[in-house]
Amino acid sequence: MTGPLALPDSHPRDFCGYGQNPPDPQWPGKASVALNFVMNFEEGSEYSIPDGDEYSERALLEVANSRVAQGDRDLAAESMYEYGTRVGFWRLLRIFESRALPVTVFACAQAIERNPEAAAAIRRLDWDICSHGLRWSEQFTLTEEEQRREIAEAVASFERTLGKRPVGWYCRYAPAVFTRRLLIEEGGFLYDSDAYNDDLPYWDRSGVRPHLVVPYSLTINDARLLRGGMTTGDAYFAFLRDSLDLLREEGKTQPRMMNVGMHLRILGHPGRAAGLARFLDYVKTLDDVYVCRREDIARHWIARFPAEVA
């Protein structure tokens, strides 16, 4: 390392956040935690040779390594993805609908286009949409103009399939350095979730105008059932319960937010979905948890802490 360290007001990253005195969001019902369930709807938009890609998708599969040569169709991987929308989506839908609990869908536009029945169900239940891109692809590899075009195409696609535009945005894993600026430029987004750095929303003031960030989590996420040493529905339930209980305890003086990330092809399998059902039944016994959509969190934060005074 050479030269002096960048001072906090000149460094592009914020290592301090709210510190030891975060703001009180005053969640509805005086809840200690705002709990948001996120259903990732990616199947049908992943890397696929029939869609013109050079290889089949290899991420978040039941097997650690594909046995198929790079450049050949991996029919096993394709069918694992298909399970998500053929079966997993409907199982998770029944679990949430039977308990009258809301869901946010991190939806890839192409995936929704390819499943009109699922699109109709999402409209019927009034689940909110956070755009997960046009496809489930690494958007940080795109040029600025390519991503600008994909944002516009994704918005137009959702307007056709769901009858409304998304008000949130979330890239696969990570954004490009210009993604947030492009979202502000587009003008119709309330927030993005391209950050993992807090348990509360916050305003990003680095652009031409303040922009709300509602952070996501890859920790409280069913991907752990494939690659994090978590193998059973019971372990999944215990991890969710323990996470929520600690946030509830903290929330007595410092209310927080909790994200639960779910994937149709992972959590949609019965032994894993059983752990989710147990957790939802546990949540239903609590009177200090505000189960809500992501759009609800964003609109509440904007009303409670307007950008011009926050």
Protein backbone atom coordinates (compact mmCIF):
# COMPACT_ATOMS: atom_id res chain seq x y z
CA MET A 1 0.00 0.00 0.00
CA THR A 2 1.37 3.41 -0.93
CA GLY A 3 0.23 6.92 -0.17
CA PRO A 4 -2.14 8.14 2.53
CA LEU A 5 -5.46 6.43 3.26
CA ALA A 6 -8.56 7.98 1.75
CA LEU A 7 -10.58 9.86 4.34
CA PRO A 8 -14.19 8.78 5.00
CA ASP A 9 -15.62 11.71 3.05
CA SER A 10 -13.51 10.93 -0.03
CA HIS A 11 -13.65 7.12 -0.15
CA PRO A 12 -16.36 5.57 -2.37
CA ARG A 13 -17.27 2.96 0.28
CA ASP A 14 -19.06 3.52 3.59
CA PHE A 15 -17.70 1.36 6.40
CA CYS A 16 -19.66 3.10 9.18
CA GLY A 17 -23.31 3.10 8.15
CA TYR A 18 -25.69 3.89 10.99
CA GLY A 19 -23.15 2.86 13.63
CA GLN A 20 -24.40 2.04 17.11
CA ASN A 21 -27.47 4.28 16.87
CA PRO A 22 -29.54 3.26 13.83
CA PRO A 23 -32.79 5.12 13.16
CA ASP A 24 -36.08 3.78 14.48
CA PRO A 25 -38.15 2.78 11.43
CA GLN A 26 -41.36 2.63 13.50
CA TRP A 27 -42.64 -0.37 11.58
CA PRO A 28 -46.44 -0.76 11.44
CA GLY A 29 -47.89 -2.30 14.59
CA LYS A 30 -44.76 -1.27 16.52
CA ALA A 31 -43.07 -4.39 15.16
CA SER A 32 -39.51 -5.18 16.15
CA VAL A 33 -38.73 -6.75 12.76
CA ALA A 34 -39.96 -6.20 9.22
CA LEU A 35 -39.80 -9.67 7.65
CA ASN A 36 -39.69 -9.99 3.86
CA PHE A 37 -39.77 -13.27 1.94
CA VAL A 38 -38.11 -13.14 -1.48
CA MET A 39 -38.94 -15.74 -4.12
CA ASN A 40 -36.28 -15.81 -6.85
CA PHE A 41 -37.99 -16.63 -10.16
CA GLU A 42 -35.06 -17.35 -12.46
CA GLU A 43 -35.88 -20.62 -14.20
CA GLY A 44 -36.25 -20.15 -17.94
CA SER A 45 -33.83 -17.23 -18.05
CA GLU A 46 -30.60 -18.96 -16.96
CA TYR A 47 -27.68 -19.62 -19.33
CA SER A 48 -28.89 -22.11 -21.91
CA ILE A 49 -27.56 -23.33 -25.25
CA PRO A 50 -31.04 -23.28 -26.84
CA ASP A 51 -31.14 -19.57 -25.94
CA GLY A 52 -27.88 -18.94 -27.78
CA ASP A 53 -25.46 -19.12 -24.84
CA GLU A 54 -22.19 -21.00 -25.08
CA TYR A 55 -22.92 -23.32 -22.15
CA SER A 56 -25.63 -24.61 -19.84
CA GLU A 57 -26.15 -22.99 -16.43
CA ARG A 58 -23.92 -24.48 -13.72
CA ALA A 59 -24.84 -22.45 -10.66
CA LEU A 60 -27.08 -23.52 -7.77
CA LEU A 61 -27.58 -27.08 -8.97
CA GLU A 62 -28.04 -30.26 -6.94
CA VAL A 63 -24.64 -31.42 -8.16
CA ALA A 64 -21.43 -29.57 -7.41
CA ASN A 65 -19.88 -30.05 -10.83
CA SER A 66 -21.46 -30.72 -14.19
CA ARG A 67 -20.46 -33.99 -15.83
CA VAL A 68 -21.17 -32.52 -19.27
CA ALA A 69 -18.47 -30.92 -21.39
CA GLN A 70 -18.48 -27.14 -21.64
CA GLY A 71 -20.36 -26.22 -24.79
CA ASP A 72 -22.67 -29.25 -24.77
CA ARG A 73 -26.25 -29.10 -23.50
CA ASP A 74 -26.50 -30.32 -19.90
CA LEU A 75 -29.95 -31.88 -19.97
CA ALA A 76 -29.75 -32.80 -16.29
CA ALA A 77 -29.07 -29.19 -15.30
CA GLU A 78 -31.87 -28.00 -17.56
CA SER A 79 -34.34 -30.36 -15.91
CA MET A 80 -33.26 -29.33 -12.40
CA TYR A 81 -34.12 -25.76 -13.33
CA GLU A 82 -37.41 -26.84 -14.88
CA TYR A 83 -38.45 -28.41 -11.57
CA GLY A 84 -38.45 -24.93 -10.05
CA THR A 85 -41.27 -23.56 -12.19
CA ARG A 86 -43.05 -26.85 -12.95
CA VAL A 87 -43.35 -27.89 -9.29
CA GLY A 88 -41.43 -25.74 -6.79
CA PHE A 89 -43.24 -22.48 -7.53
CA TRP A 90 -46.65 -24.03 -6.95
CA ARG A 91 -45.58 -25.76 -3.74
CA LEU A 92 -44.23 -22.53 -2.27
CA LEU A 93 -47.26 -20.60 -3.52
CA ARG A 94 -49.59 -22.99 -1.67
CA ILE A 95 -47.53 -22.70 1.51
CA PHE A 96 -47.70 -18.91 1.52
CA GLU A 97 -51.24 -18.53 0.24
CA SER A 98 -52.66 -20.95 2.82
CA ARG A 99 -51.14 -18.78 5.56
CA ALA A 100 -52.13 -15.47 3.91
CA LEU A 101 -48.54 -14.20 3.94
CA PRO A 102 -47.12 -11.88 1.23
CA VAL A 103 -44.10 -12.51 -0.97
CA THR A 104 -41.77 -10.39 -3.08
CA VAL A 105 -40.72 -11.97 -6.37
CA PHE A 106 -37.20 -11.29 -7.62
CA ALA A 107 -38.27 -12.05 -11.17
CA CYS A 108 -36.29 -12.31 -14.38
CA ALA A 109 -38.45 -10.91 -17.15
CA GLN A 110 -37.78 -13.72 -19.61
CA ALA A 111 -38.65 -16.36 -17.00
CA ILE A 112 -42.03 -14.74 -16.32
CA GLU A 113 -42.74 -14.44 -20.04
CA ARG A 114 -42.27 -18.20 -20.38
CA ASN A 115 -44.75 -19.09 -17.64
CA PRO A 116 -48.10 -17.31 -18.16
CA GLU A 117 -49.85 -19.42 -15.53
CA ALA A 118 -47.36 -18.38 -12.87
CA ALA A 119 -47.62 -14.76 -14.03
CA ALA A 120 -51.40 -14.92 -13.57
CA ALA A 121 -50.97 -16.32 -10.05
CA ILE A 122 -48.56 -13.54 -9.10
CA ARG A 123 -51.04 -10.95 -10.37
CA ARG A 124 -53.90 -12.59 -8.47
CA LEU A 125 -52.00 -12.61 -5.18
CA ASP A 126 -50.70 -9.04 -5.66
CA TRP A 127 -47.14 -10.09 -4.89
CA ASP A 128 -44.73 -7.28 -5.68
CA ILE A 129 -42.00 -7.57 -8.29
CA CYS A 130 -38.38 -6.57 -7.92
CA SER A 131 -36.78 -6.93 -11.34
CA HIS A 132 -33.99 -9.51 -11.36
CA GLY A 133 -32.99 -8.40 -14.83
CA LEU A 134 -34.06 -9.36 -18.31
CA ARG A 135 -32.33 -12.71 -17.79
CA TRP A 136 -30.46 -14.38 -14.91
CA SER A 137 -27.08 -13.23 -16.16
CA GLU A 138 -24.08 -11.41 -14.75
CA GLN A 139 -24.97 -7.82 -15.49
CA PHE A 140 -21.61 -6.56 -14.26
CA THR A 141 -20.18 -7.98 -17.50
CA LEU A 142 -22.35 -5.70 -19.65
CA THR A 143 -21.39 -2.36 -21.09
CA GLU A 144 -23.27 0.68 -19.90
CA GLU A 145 -25.36 0.84 -23.06
CA GLU A 146 -26.11 -2.90 -22.93
CA GLN A 147 -27.39 -2.62 -19.38
CA ARG A 148 -29.40 0.52 -20.14
CA ARG A 149 -31.11 -1.44 -22.92
CA GLU A 150 -31.73 -4.49 -20.70
CA ILE A 151 -33.30 -2.34 -17.96
CA ALA A 152 -35.71 -0.82 -20.49
CA GLU A 153 -36.55 -4.20 -22.03
CA ALA A 154 -37.15 -5.79 -18.63
CA VAL A 155 -39.53 -3.01 -17.57
CA ALA A 156 -41.48 -3.28 -20.82
CA SER A 157 -41.68 -7.05 -20.46
CA PHE A 158 -43.13 -6.90 -16.94
CA GLU A 159 -45.68 -4.32 -18.04
CA ARG A 160 -46.85 -6.80 -20.69
CA THR A 161 -46.90 -9.94 -18.55
CA LEU A 162 -47.93 -8.59 -15.15
CA GLY A 163 -49.74 -5.38 -16.06
CA LYS A 164 -47.41 -3.21 -13.99
CA ARG A 165 -43.78 -2.18 -13.89
CA PRO A 166 -41.33 -3.23 -11.17
CA VAL A 167 -40.32 -0.57 -8.64
CA GLY A 168 -37.24 -2.44 -7.39
CA TRP A 169 -34.12 -3.86 -9.03
CA TYR A 170 -31.66 -6.61 -8.09
CA CYS A 171 -28.80 -7.89 -10.24
CA ARG A 172 -27.51 -11.43 -10.22
CA TYR A 173 -24.93 -11.34 -7.41
CA ALA A 174 -23.51 -7.88 -8.11
CA PRO A 175 -24.22 -4.72 -10.12
CA ALA A 176 -21.87 -2.83 -12.38
CA VAL A 177 -20.41 0.43 -11.09
CA PHE A 178 -22.91 2.33 -13.25
CA THR A 179 -26.04 0.24 -12.52
CA ARG A 180 -27.49 2.49 -9.82
CA ARG A 181 -26.97 5.57 -11.98
CA LEU A 182 -28.87 3.89 -14.81
CA LEU A 183 -31.75 3.02 -12.48
CA ILE A 184 -31.96 6.66 -11.38
CA GLU A 185 -31.82 7.72 -15.02
CA GLU A 186 -34.71 5.37 -15.91
CA GLY A 187 -36.80 7.15 -13.32
CA GLY A 188 -39.36 4.57 -12.26
CA PHE A 189 -37.53 2.65 -9.53
CA LEU A 190 -38.16 3.32 -5.84
CA TYR A 191 -35.16 1.28 -4.72
CA ASP A 192 -32.58 -1.33 -5.57
CA SER A 193 -31.36 -4.25 -3.48
CA ASP A 194 -27.84 -4.50 -4.89
CA ALA A 195 -26.17 -4.41 -1.48
CA TYR A 196 -25.66 -6.77 1.45
CA ASN A 197 -24.31 -4.28 3.97
CA ASP A 198 -27.09 -3.50 6.46
CA ASP A 199 -30.20 -4.70 8.31
CA LEU A 200 -32.04 -1.49 7.43
CA PRO A 201 -32.69 0.52 4.26
CA TYR A 202 -30.60 3.63 3.63
CA TRP A 203 -30.25 6.50 1.17
CA ASP A 204 -27.35 6.43 -1.25
CA ARG A 205 -26.39 10.05 -1.99
CA SER A 206 -23.47 9.42 -4.32
CA GLY A 207 -25.47 10.04 -7.51
CA VAL A 208 -27.31 12.93 -9.08
CA ARG A 209 -30.14 12.47 -6.58
CA PRO A 210 -30.69 10.33 -3.46
CA HIS A 211 -31.57 6.71 -4.18
CA LEU A 212 -33.03 4.22 -1.69
CA VAL A 213 -31.21 0.94 -1.06
CA VAL A 214 -33.10 -1.94 0.57
CA PRO A 215 -30.27 -4.40 1.29
CA TYR A 216 -30.63 -8.10 0.54
CA SER A 217 -28.98 -11.12 2.20
CA LEU A 218 -27.09 -14.12 0.86
CA THR A 219 -26.77 -15.39 4.43
CA ILE A 220 -30.43 -15.95 5.27
CA ASN A 221 -30.83 -17.71 1.95
CA ASP A 222 -31.73 -21.24 0.88
CA ALA A 223 -28.57 -21.42 -1.24
CA ARG A 224 -27.01 -22.67 2.00
CA LEU A 225 -28.96 -25.88 1.50
CA LEU A 226 -26.74 -26.59 -1.50
CA ARG A 227 -23.38 -25.14 -0.55
CA GLY A 228 -23.40 -24.01 3.07
CA GLY A 229 -23.42 -27.29 4.98
CA MET A 230 -27.15 -27.04 5.70
CA THR A 231 -28.83 -30.23 4.51
CA THR A 232 -32.23 -30.63 6.18
CA GLY A 233 -35.51 -28.79 6.57
CA ASP A 234 -34.99 -28.85 10.34
CA ALA A 235 -31.62 -27.10 10.03
CA TYR A 236 -33.14 -24.51 7.71
CA PHE A 237 -36.01 -23.87 10.13
CA ALA A 238 -33.63 -23.53 13.09
CA PHE A 239 -31.40 -21.06 11.24
CA LEU A 240 -34.37 -18.88 10.25
CA ARG A 241 -35.88 -19.03 13.74
CA ASP A 242 -32.59 -18.16 15.45
CA SER A 243 -31.97 -15.28 13.03
CA LEU A 244 -35.43 -13.86 13.64
CA ASP A 245 -35.30 -14.30 17.40
CA LEU A 246 -32.03 -12.38 17.73
CA LEU A 247 -33.39 -9.57 15.55
CA ARG A 248 -36.57 -9.51 17.65
CA GLU A 249 -34.49 -9.17 20.81
CA GLU A 250 -32.44 -6.34 19.27
CA GLY A 251 -35.65 -4.87 17.92
CA LYS A 252 -36.96 -4.10 21.37
CA THR A 253 -34.74 -1.03 21.22
CA GLN A 254 -33.46 -1.03 17.61
CA PRO A 255 -36.01 -2.45 15.13
CA ARG A 256 -34.53 -4.22 12.13
CA MET A 257 -35.34 -5.84 8.78
CA MET A 258 -34.90 -9.51 7.81
CA ASN A 259 -34.75 -10.92 4.27
CA VAL A 260 -35.42 -14.59 3.52
CA GLY A 261 -34.15 -15.49 0.04
CA MET A 262 -35.76 -18.52 -1.62
CA HIS A 263 -35.20 -20.33 -4.92
CA LEU A 264 -37.91 -22.38 -6.59
CA ARG A 265 -35.54 -25.18 -7.64
CA ILE A 266 -33.99 -25.39 -4.16
CA LEU A 267 -36.57 -24.70 -1.47
CA GLY A 268 -39.37 -25.99 -3.70
CA HIS A 269 -38.42 -29.61 -2.94
CA PRO A 270 -40.64 -31.19 -0.26
CA GLY A 271 -38.10 -31.95 2.47
CA ARG A 272 -36.82 -28.39 2.36
CA ALA A 273 -40.23 -26.74 1.91
CA ALA A 274 -41.32 -28.49 5.12
CA GLY A 275 -38.76 -26.42 7.03
CA LEU A 276 -40.13 -23.24 5.49
CA ALA A 277 -43.68 -24.22 6.44
CA ARG A 278 -42.60 -24.78 10.04
CA PHE A 279 -40.97 -21.34 10.11
CA LEU A 280 -44.06 -19.62 8.71
CA ASP A 281 -46.20 -21.31 11.34
CA TYR A 282 -43.78 -20.04 13.98
CA VAL A 283 -43.94 -16.51 12.55
CA LYS A 284 -47.75 -16.61 12.71
CA THR A 285 -47.53 -17.04 16.51
CA LEU A 286 -45.58 -13.78 16.93
CA ASP A 287 -47.15 -10.36 17.44
CA ASP A 288 -44.00 -8.27 17.01
CA VAL A 289 -43.13 -9.21 13.40
CA TYR A 290 -44.34 -7.22 10.39
CA VAL A 291 -44.48 -9.61 7.42
CA CYS A 292 -44.55 -7.46 4.31
CA ARG A 293 -43.59 -7.00 0.70
CA ARG A 294 -40.37 -5.28 -0.28
CA GLU A 295 -42.29 -2.47 -1.89
CA ASP A 296 -44.04 -1.92 1.46
CA ILE A 297 -40.66 -1.53 3.17
CA ALA A 298 -39.46 0.94 0.55
CA ARG A 299 -42.62 3.07 0.68
CA HIS A 300 -42.64 3.04 4.48
CA TRP A 301 -39.00 4.18 4.61
CA ILE A 302 -39.58 6.93 2.07
CA ALA A 303 -42.54 8.21 4.09
CA ARG A 304 -40.72 7.90 7.43
CA PHE A 305 -37.37 9.26 6.25
CA PRO A 306 -37.88 11.42 3.13
CA ALA A 307 -34.70 11.82 1.13
CA GLU A 308 -34.70 15.59 1.44
CA VAL A 309 -34.63 15.48 5.26
CA ALA A 310 -33.15 12.04 6.09
